[in-house]
């Protein structure tokens, strides 16, 4: 049986789509987000297109930049993705 790459998993893609949507909602450009988290704009673009896998440290940095501590909706999305109880 051939294993599907995790970057193509629908749960992963849904999380990435939510992060991109939140970035847009906050009126943060890819360039601004890249500067906040120490990546290149092209890295953010590749992450949002699922051409580059988001690692756990990058996820943490992006969540901080998207103000997860102030955003209950984003907290719920991440908790659901991680399978964490509320």
PDB file of N, CA and C in Angstrom:
ATOM      1  N   UNK A   1       0.838  -1.182   0.000  1.00  0.00           N
ATOM      2  CA  UNK A   1       0.000   0.000   0.000  1.00  0.00           C
ATOM      3  C   UNK A   1       0.883   1.247   0.000  1.00  0.00           C
ATOM      4  N   UNK A   2       0.566   2.162  -0.876  1.00  0.00           N
ATOM      5  CA  UNK A   2       1.364   3.386  -0.994  1.00  0.00           C
ATOM      6  C   UNK A   2       0.864   4.424   0.002  1.00  0.00           C
ATOM      7  N   UNK A   3       1.790   5.002   0.734  1.00  0.00           N
ATOM      8  CA  UNK A   3       1.461   5.993   1.757  1.00  0.00           C
ATOM      9  C   UNK A   3       1.333   7.379   1.114  1.00  0.00           C
ATOM     10  N   UNK A   4       0.259   8.079   1.450  1.00  0.00           N
ATOM     11  CA  UNK A   4       0.044   9.435   0.955  1.00  0.00           C
ATOM     12  C   UNK A   4       0.939  10.389   1.743  1.00  0.00           C
ATOM     13  N   UNK A   5       1.596  11.315   1.042  1.00  0.00           N
ATOM     14  CA  UNK A   5       2.435  12.289   1.736  1.00  0.00           C
ATOM     15  C   UNK A   5       1.557  13.168   2.611  1.00  0.00           C
ATOM     16  N   UNK A   6       2.043  13.451   3.804  1.00  0.00           N
ATOM     17  CA  UNK A   6       1.245  14.209   4.765  1.00  0.00           C
ATOM     18  C   UNK A   6       0.910  15.608   4.275  1.00  0.00           C
ATOM     19  N   UNK A   7       1.718  16.174   3.416  1.00  0.00           N
ATOM     20  CA  UNK A   7       1.455  17.518   2.903  1.00  0.00           C
ATOM     21  C   UNK A   7       0.174  17.535   2.052  1.00  0.00           C
ATOM     22  N   UNK A   8      -0.261  16.364   1.590  1.00  0.00           N
ATOM     23  CA  UNK A   8      -1.472  16.269   0.776  1.00  0.00           C
ATOM     24  C   UNK A   8      -2.690  15.809   1.581  1.00  0.00           C
ATOM     25  N   UNK A   9      -2.515  15.604   2.869  1.00  0.00           N
ATOM     26  CA  UNK A   9      -3.619  15.190   3.736  1.00  0.00           C
ATOM     27  C   UNK A   9      -4.644  16.317   3.841  1.00  0.00           C
ATOM     28  N   UNK A  10      -5.925  15.969   3.788  1.00  0.00           N
ATOM     29  CA  UNK A  10      -6.969  17.010   3.802  1.00  0.00           C
ATOM     30  C   UNK A  10      -6.997  17.789   5.117  1.00  0.00           C
ATOM     31  N   UNK A  11      -6.616  17.168   6.224  1.00  0.00           N
ATOM     32  CA  UNK A  11      -6.558  17.889   7.499  1.00  0.00           C
ATOM     33  C   UNK A  11      -5.465  18.964   7.472  1.00  0.00           C
ATOM     34  N   UNK A  12      -4.320  18.595   6.911  1.00  0.00           N
ATOM     35  CA  UNK A  12      -3.201  19.538   6.794  1.00  0.00           C
ATOM     36  C   UNK A  12      -3.597  20.695   5.878  1.00  0.00           C
ATOM     37  N   UNK A  13      -4.173  20.370   4.727  1.00  0.00           N
ATOM     38  CA  UNK A  13      -4.575  21.415   3.780  1.00  0.00           C
ATOM     39  C   UNK A  13      -5.617  22.350   4.384  1.00  0.00           C
ATOM     40  N   UNK A  14      -6.532  21.793   5.171  1.00  0.00           N
ATOM     41  CA  UNK A  14      -7.550  22.622   5.817  1.00  0.00           C
ATOM     42  C   UNK A  14      -6.917  23.577   6.826  1.00  0.00           C
ATOM     43  N   UNK A  15      -5.940  23.105   7.591  1.00  0.00           N
ATOM     44  CA  UNK A  15      -5.253  23.967   8.546  1.00  0.00           C
ATOM     45  C   UNK A  15      -4.529  25.100   7.823  1.00  0.00           C
ATOM     46  N   UNK A  16      -3.820  24.765   6.759  1.00  0.00           N
ATOM     47  CA  UNK A  16      -3.080  25.777   5.997  1.00  0.00           C
ATOM     48  C   UNK A  16      -4.041  26.806   5.409  1.00  0.00           C
ATOM     49  N   UNK A  17      -5.169  26.354   4.903  1.00  0.00           N
ATOM     50  CA  UNK A  17      -6.168  27.281   4.347  1.00  0.00           C
ATOM     51  C   UNK A  17      -6.687  28.225   5.429  1.00  0.00           C
ATOM     52  N   UNK A  18      -6.907  27.703   6.627  1.00  0.00           N
ATOM     53  CA  UNK A  18      -7.371  28.549   7.737  1.00  0.00           C
ATOM     54  C   UNK A  18      -6.317  29.579   8.131  1.00  0.00           C
ATOM     55  N   UNK A  19      -5.064  29.175   8.148  1.00  0.00           N
ATOM     56  CA  UNK A  19      -3.990  30.114   8.483  1.00  0.00           C
ATOM     57  C   UNK A  19      -3.899  31.224   7.436  1.00  0.00           C
ATOM     58  N   UNK A  20      -4.003  30.858   6.166  1.00  0.00           N
ATOM     59  CA  UNK A  20      -3.958  31.855   5.092  1.00  0.00           C
ATOM     60  C   UNK A  20      -5.153  32.797   5.189  1.00  0.00           C
ATOM     61  N   UNK A  21      -6.317  32.238   5.477  1.00  0.00           N
ATOM     62  CA  UNK A  21      -7.523  33.057   5.622  1.00  0.00           C
ATOM     63  C   UNK A  21      -7.387  34.032   6.784  1.00  0.00           C
ATOM     64  N   UNK A  22      -6.815  33.576   7.863  1.00  0.00           N
ATOM     65  CA  UNK A  22      -6.621  34.442   9.029  1.00  0.00           C
ATOM     66  C   UNK A  22      -5.609  35.546   8.726  1.00  0.00           C
ATOM     67  N   UNK A  23      -4.569  35.211   7.995  1.00  0.00           N
ATOM     68  CA  UNK A  23      -3.589  36.222   7.592  1.00  0.00           C
ATOM     69  C   UNK A  23      -4.268  37.327   6.781  1.00  0.00           C
ATOM     70  N   UNK A  24      -5.103  36.932   5.844  1.00  0.00           N
ATOM     71  CA  UNK A  24      -5.825  37.898   5.009  1.00  0.00           C
ATOM     72  C   UNK A  24      -6.804  38.702   5.862  1.00  0.00           C
ATOM     73  N   UNK A  25      -7.516  38.029   6.767  1.00  0.00           N
ATOM     74  CA  UNK A  25      -8.480  38.712   7.627  1.00  0.00           C
ATOM     75  C   UNK A  25      -7.804  39.796   8.464  1.00  0.00           C
ATOM     76  N   UNK A  26      -6.589  39.510   8.909  1.00  0.00           N
ATOM     77  CA  UNK A  26      -5.839  40.472   9.714  1.00  0.00           C
ATOM     78  C   UNK A  26      -5.132  41.526   8.850  1.00  0.00           C
ATOM     79  N   UNK A  27      -5.310  41.420   7.536  1.00  0.00           N
ATOM     80  CA  UNK A  27      -4.711  42.370   6.598  1.00  0.00           C
ATOM     81  C   UNK A  27      -3.178  42.368   6.704  1.00  0.00           C
ATOM     82  N   UNK A  28      -2.629  41.157   6.822  1.00  0.00           N
ATOM     83  CA  UNK A  28      -1.179  40.968   6.872  1.00  0.00           C
ATOM     84  C   UNK A  28      -0.767  40.362   5.532  1.00  0.00           C
ATOM     85  N   UNK A  29       0.150  40.996   4.848  1.00  0.00           N
ATOM     86  CA  UNK A  29       0.628  40.459   3.572  1.00  0.00           C
ATOM     87  C   UNK A  29       1.556  39.275   3.824  1.00  0.00           C
ATOM     88  N   UNK A  30       1.790  38.506   2.786  1.00  0.00           N
ATOM     89  CA  UNK A  30       2.750  37.410   2.905  1.00  0.00           C
ATOM     90  C   UNK A  30       4.126  37.949   3.275  1.00  0.00           C
ATOM     91  N   UNK A  31       4.499  39.072   2.711  1.00  0.00           N
ATOM     92  CA  UNK A  31       5.799  39.690   3.019  1.00  0.00           C
ATOM     93  C   UNK A  31       5.878  40.097   4.488  1.00  0.00           C
ATOM     94  N   UNK A  32       4.805  40.694   4.998  1.00  0.00           N
ATOM     95  CA  UNK A  32       4.786  41.103   6.410  1.00  0.00           C
ATOM     96  C   UNK A  32       4.867  39.886   7.323  1.00  0.00           C
ATOM     97  N   UNK A  33       4.102  38.850   7.005  1.00  0.00           N
ATOM     98  CA  UNK A  33       4.142  37.640   7.823  1.00  0.00           C
ATOM     99  C   UNK A  33       5.537  37.028   7.782  1.00  0.00           C
ATOM    100  N   UNK A  34       6.128  36.998   6.610  1.00  0.00           N
ATOM    101  CA  UNK A  34       7.480  36.448   6.473  1.00  0.00           C
ATOM    102  C   UNK A  34       8.467  37.203   7.366  1.00  0.00           C
ATOM    103  N   UNK A  35       8.366  38.512   7.381  1.00  0.00           N
ATOM    104  CA  UNK A  35       9.260  39.309   8.227  1.00  0.00           C
ATOM    105  C   UNK A  35       9.023  39.030   9.705  1.00  0.00           C
ATOM    106  N   UNK A  36       7.762  38.859  10.079  1.00  0.00           N
ATOM    107  CA  UNK A  36       7.435  38.594  11.488  1.00  0.00           C
ATOM    108  C   UNK A  36       7.996  37.260  11.971  1.00  0.00           C
ATOM    109  N   UNK A  37       8.050  36.273  11.077  1.00  0.00           N
ATOM    110  CA  UNK A  37       8.456  34.924  11.496  1.00  0.00           C
ATOM    111  C   UNK A  37       9.851  34.529  11.023  1.00  0.00           C
ATOM    112  N   UNK A  38      10.528  35.405  10.282  1.00  0.00           N
ATOM    113  CA  UNK A  38      11.888  35.111   9.858  1.00  0.00           C
ATOM    114  C   UNK A  38      12.002  34.190   8.662  1.00  0.00           C
ATOM    115  N   UNK A  39      11.009  34.228   7.797  1.00  0.00           N
ATOM    116  CA  UNK A  39      11.060  33.450   6.560  1.00  0.00           C
ATOM    117  C   UNK A  39      11.068  34.410   5.381  1.00  0.00           C
ATOM    118  N   UNK A  40      11.159  33.870   4.187  1.00  0.00           N
ATOM    119  CA  UNK A  40      11.025  34.657   2.969  1.00  0.00           C
ATOM    120  C   UNK A  40       9.567  34.677   2.533  1.00  0.00           C
ATOM    121  N   UNK A  41       9.180  35.704   1.800  1.00  0.00           N
ATOM    122  CA  UNK A  41       7.806  35.763   1.271  1.00  0.00           C
ATOM    123  C   UNK A  41       7.521  34.532   0.425  1.00  0.00           C
ATOM    124  N   UNK A  42       8.515  34.085  -0.340  1.00  0.00           N
ATOM    125  CA  UNK A  42       8.292  32.905  -1.186  1.00  0.00           C
ATOM    126  C   UNK A  42       8.023  31.656  -0.340  1.00  0.00           C
ATOM    127  N   UNK A  43       8.616  31.580   0.863  1.00  0.00           N
ATOM    128  CA  UNK A  43       8.333  30.451   1.765  1.00  0.00           C
ATOM    129  C   UNK A  43       6.868  30.473   2.206  1.00  0.00           C
ATOM    130  N   UNK A  44       6.364  31.658   2.550  1.00  0.00           N
ATOM    131  CA  UNK A  44       4.963  31.776   2.967  1.00  0.00           C
ATOM    132  C   UNK A  44       4.055  31.380   1.814  1.00  0.00           C
ATOM    133  N   UNK A  45       4.368  31.854   0.621  1.00  0.00           N
ATOM    134  CA  UNK A  45       3.573  31.495  -0.552  1.00  0.00           C
ATOM    135  C   UNK A  45       3.571  29.988  -0.775  1.00  0.00           C
ATOM    136  N   UNK A  46       4.734  29.363  -0.693  1.00  0.00           N
ATOM    137  CA  UNK A  46       4.832  27.912  -0.888  1.00  0.00           C
ATOM    138  C   UNK A  46       4.077  27.153   0.192  1.00  0.00           C
ATOM    139  N   UNK A  47       4.138  27.634   1.418  1.00  0.00           N
ATOM    140  CA  UNK A  47       3.386  26.993   2.510  1.00  0.00           C
ATOM    141  C   UNK A  47       1.893  27.080   2.211  1.00  0.00           C
ATOM    142  N   UNK A  48       1.421  28.267   1.825  1.00  0.00           N
ATOM    143  CA  UNK A  48      -0.008  28.468   1.580  1.00  0.00           C
ATOM    144  C   UNK A  48      -0.503  27.690   0.366  1.00  0.00           C
ATOM    145  N   UNK A  49       0.391  27.377  -0.571  1.00  0.00           N
ATOM    146  CA  UNK A  49       0.014  26.573  -1.741  1.00  0.00           C
ATOM    147  C   UNK A  49       0.285  25.082  -1.516  1.00  0.00           C
ATOM    148  N   UNK A  50       0.732  24.736  -0.314  1.00  0.00           N
ATOM    149  CA  UNK A  50       1.095  23.356   0.043  1.00  0.00           C
ATOM    150  C   UNK A  50       2.210  22.819  -0.850  1.00  0.00           C
ATOM    151  N   UNK A  51       3.112  23.709  -1.248  1.00  0.00           N
ATOM    152  CA  UNK A  51       4.309  23.299  -1.974  1.00  0.00           C
ATOM    153  C   UNK A  51       5.480  23.095  -1.013  1.00  0.00           C
ATOM    154  N   UNK A  52       5.354  23.630   0.190  1.00  0.00           N
ATOM    155  CA  UNK A  52       6.384  23.490   1.233  1.00  0.00           C
ATOM    156  C   UNK A  52       5.681  23.095   2.515  1.00  0.00           C
ATOM    157  N   UNK A  53       6.208  22.080   3.179  1.00  0.00           N
ATOM    158  CA  UNK A  53       5.629  21.632   4.433  1.00  0.00           C
ATOM    159  C   UNK A  53       5.983  22.603   5.550  1.00  0.00           C
ATOM    160  N   UNK A  54       4.993  22.924   6.360  1.00  0.00           N
ATOM    161  CA  UNK A  54       5.162  23.802   7.516  1.00  0.00           C
ATOM    162  C   UNK A  54       5.666  22.952   8.680  1.00  0.00           C
ATOM    163  N   UNK A  55       6.824  23.302   9.230  1.00  0.00           N
ATOM    164  CA  UNK A  55       7.306  22.517  10.366  1.00  0.00           C
ATOM    165  C   UNK A  55       6.739  23.089  11.672  1.00  0.00           C
ATOM    166  N   UNK A  56       6.934  22.395  12.753  1.00  0.00           N
ATOM    167  CA  UNK A  56       6.279  22.775  14.011  1.00  0.00           C
ATOM    168  C   UNK A  56       6.766  24.114  14.545  1.00  0.00           C
ATOM    169  N   UNK A  57       8.036  24.426  14.372  1.00  0.00           N
ATOM    170  CA  UNK A  57       8.526  25.732  14.831  1.00  0.00           C
ATOM    171  C   UNK A  57       7.929  26.855  13.999  1.00  0.00           C
ATOM    172  N   UNK A  58       7.883  26.661  12.689  1.00  0.00           N
ATOM    173  CA  UNK A  58       7.271  27.663  11.813  1.00  0.00           C
ATOM    174  C   UNK A  58       5.797  27.843  12.162  1.00  0.00           C
ATOM    175  N   UNK A  59       5.107  26.746  12.447  1.00  0.00           N
ATOM    176  CA  UNK A  59       3.702  26.829  12.845  1.00  0.00           C
ATOM    177  C   UNK A  59       3.568  27.674  14.104  1.00  0.00           C
ATOM    178  N   UNK A  60       4.413  27.438  15.070  1.00  0.00           N
ATOM    179  CA  UNK A  60       4.384  28.202  16.316  1.00  0.00           C
ATOM    180  C   UNK A  60       4.601  29.686  16.051  1.00  0.00           C
ATOM    181  N   UNK A  61       5.588  30.004  15.232  1.00  0.00           N
ATOM    182  CA  UNK A  61       5.881  31.405  14.911  1.00  0.00           C
ATOM    183  C   UNK A  61       4.715  32.065  14.188  1.00  0.00           C
ATOM    184  N   UNK A  62       4.122  31.331  13.241  1.00  0.00           N
ATOM    185  CA  UNK A  62       2.991  31.878  12.477  1.00  0.00           C
ATOM    186  C   UNK A  62       1.788  32.088  13.381  1.00  0.00           C
ATOM    187  N   UNK A  63       1.520  31.144  14.264  1.00  0.00           N
ATOM    188  CA  UNK A  63       0.397  31.298  15.188  1.00  0.00           C
ATOM    189  C   UNK A  63       0.597  32.519  16.086  1.00  0.00           C
ATOM    190  N   UNK A  64       1.809  32.732  16.551  1.00  0.00           N
ATOM    191  CA  UNK A  64       2.099  33.936  17.344  1.00  0.00           C
ATOM    192  C   UNK A  64       1.856  35.197  16.521  1.00  0.00           C
ATOM    193  N   UNK A  65       2.339  35.203  15.279  1.00  0.00           N
ATOM    194  CA  UNK A  65       2.171  36.373  14.408  1.00  0.00           C
ATOM    195  C   UNK A  65       0.698  36.634  14.092  1.00  0.00           C
ATOM    196  N   UNK A  66      -0.097  35.568  14.054  1.00  0.00           N
ATOM    197  CA  UNK A  66      -1.532  35.711  13.787  1.00  0.00           C
ATOM    198  C   UNK A  66      -2.333  35.924  15.073  1.00  0.00           C
ATOM    199  N   UNK A  67      -1.619  36.176  16.156  1.00  0.00           N
ATOM    200  CA  UNK A  67      -2.211  36.534  17.449  1.00  0.00           C
ATOM    201  C   UNK A  67      -3.173  35.459  17.975  1.00  0.00           C
ATOM    202  N   UNK A  68      -2.715  34.221  17.994  1.00  0.00           N
ATOM    203  CA  UNK A  68      -3.571  33.128  18.439  1.00  0.00           C
ATOM    204  C   UNK A  68      -4.073  33.328  19.865  1.00  0.00           C
ATOM    205  N   UNK A  69      -3.282  33.975  20.723  1.00  0.00           N
ATOM    206  CA  UNK A  69      -3.706  34.175  22.116  1.00  0.00           C
ATOM    207  C   UNK A  69      -4.951  35.041  22.231  1.00  0.00           C
ATOM    208  N   UNK A  70      -5.217  35.859  21.219  1.00  0.00           N
ATOM    209  CA  UNK A  70      -6.378  36.745  21.229  1.00  0.00           C
ATOM    210  C   UNK A  70      -7.532  36.210  20.382  1.00  0.00           C
ATOM    211  N   UNK A  71      -7.362  35.044  19.762  1.00  0.00           N
ATOM    212  CA  UNK A  71      -8.295  34.584  18.751  1.00  0.00           C
ATOM    213  C   UNK A  71      -8.848  33.203  19.111  1.00  0.00           C
ATOM    214  N   UNK A  72     -10.013  33.180  19.711  1.00  0.00           N
ATOM    215  CA  UNK A  72     -10.614  31.917  20.146  1.00  0.00           C
ATOM    216  C   UNK A  72     -10.926  30.993  18.967  1.00  0.00           C
ATOM    217  N   UNK A  73     -11.324  31.571  17.841  1.00  0.00           N
ATOM    218  CA  UNK A  73     -11.629  30.756  16.663  1.00  0.00           C
ATOM    219  C   UNK A  73     -10.376  30.015  16.186  1.00  0.00           C
ATOM    220  N   UNK A  74      -9.263  30.733  16.080  1.00  0.00           N
ATOM    221  CA  UNK A  74      -8.017  30.110  15.643  1.00  0.00           C
ATOM    222  C   UNK A  74      -7.538  29.090  16.675  1.00  0.00           C
ATOM    223  N   UNK A  75      -7.714  29.376  17.948  1.00  0.00           N
ATOM    224  CA  UNK A  75      -7.354  28.416  18.996  1.00  0.00           C
ATOM    225  C   UNK A  75      -8.130  27.114  18.807  1.00  0.00           C
ATOM    226  N   UNK A  76      -9.424  27.226  18.521  1.00  0.00           N
ATOM    227  CA  UNK A  76     -10.262  26.040  18.330  1.00  0.00           C
ATOM    228  C   UNK A  76      -9.801  25.237  17.115  1.00  0.00           C
ATOM    229  N   UNK A  77      -9.479  25.933  16.037  1.00  0.00           N
ATOM    230  CA  UNK A  77      -9.018  25.256  14.821  1.00  0.00           C
ATOM    231  C   UNK A  77      -7.751  24.463  15.103  1.00  0.00           C
ATOM    232  N   UNK A  78      -6.808  25.057  15.801  1.00  0.00           N
ATOM    233  CA  UNK A  78      -5.542  24.381  16.106  1.00  0.00           C
ATOM    234  C   UNK A  78      -5.779  23.231  17.087  1.00  0.00           C
ATOM    235  N   UNK A  79      -6.618  23.445  18.088  1.00  0.00           N
ATOM    236  CA  UNK A  79      -6.932  22.366  19.035  1.00  0.00           C
ATOM    237  C   UNK A  79      -7.581  21.187  18.316  1.00  0.00           C
ATOM    238  N   UNK A  80      -8.507  21.459  17.421  1.00  0.00           N
ATOM    239  CA  UNK A  80      -9.152  20.386  16.665  1.00  0.00           C
ATOM    240  C   UNK A  80      -8.136  19.658  15.772  1.00  0.00           C
ATOM    241  N   UNK A  81      -7.259  20.422  15.145  1.00  0.00           N
ATOM    242  CA  UNK A  81      -6.240  19.817  14.284  1.00  0.00           C
ATOM    243  C   UNK A  81      -5.331  18.882  15.094  1.00  0.00           C
ATOM    244  N   UNK A  82      -4.964  19.323  16.275  1.00  0.00           N
ATOM    245  CA  UNK A  82      -4.065  18.538  17.118  1.00  0.00           C
ATOM    246  C   UNK A  82      -4.787  17.461  17.920  1.00  0.00           C
ATOM    247  N   UNK A  83      -6.114  17.466  17.875  1.00  0.00           N
ATOM    248  CA  UNK A  83      -6.883  16.486  18.635  1.00  0.00           C
ATOM    249  C   UNK A  83      -6.839  16.733  20.121  1.00  0.00           C
ATOM    250  N   UNK A  84      -6.727  18.001  20.506  1.00  0.00           N
ATOM    251  CA  UNK A  84      -6.638  18.370  21.912  1.00  0.00           C
ATOM    252  C   UNK A  84      -8.042  18.588  22.483  1.00  0.00           C
ATOM    253  N   UNK A  85      -8.263  18.127  23.707  1.00  0.00           N
ATOM    254  CA  UNK A  85      -9.554  18.403  24.349  1.00  0.00           C
ATOM    255  C   UNK A  85      -9.650  19.884  24.707  1.00  0.00           C
ATOM    256  N   UNK A  86     -10.869  20.365  24.715  1.00  0.00           N
ATOM    257  CA  UNK A  86     -11.090  21.783  25.083  1.00  0.00           C
ATOM    258  C   UNK A  86     -11.457  21.911  26.510  1.00  0.00           C
TER     259      UNK A  86
END
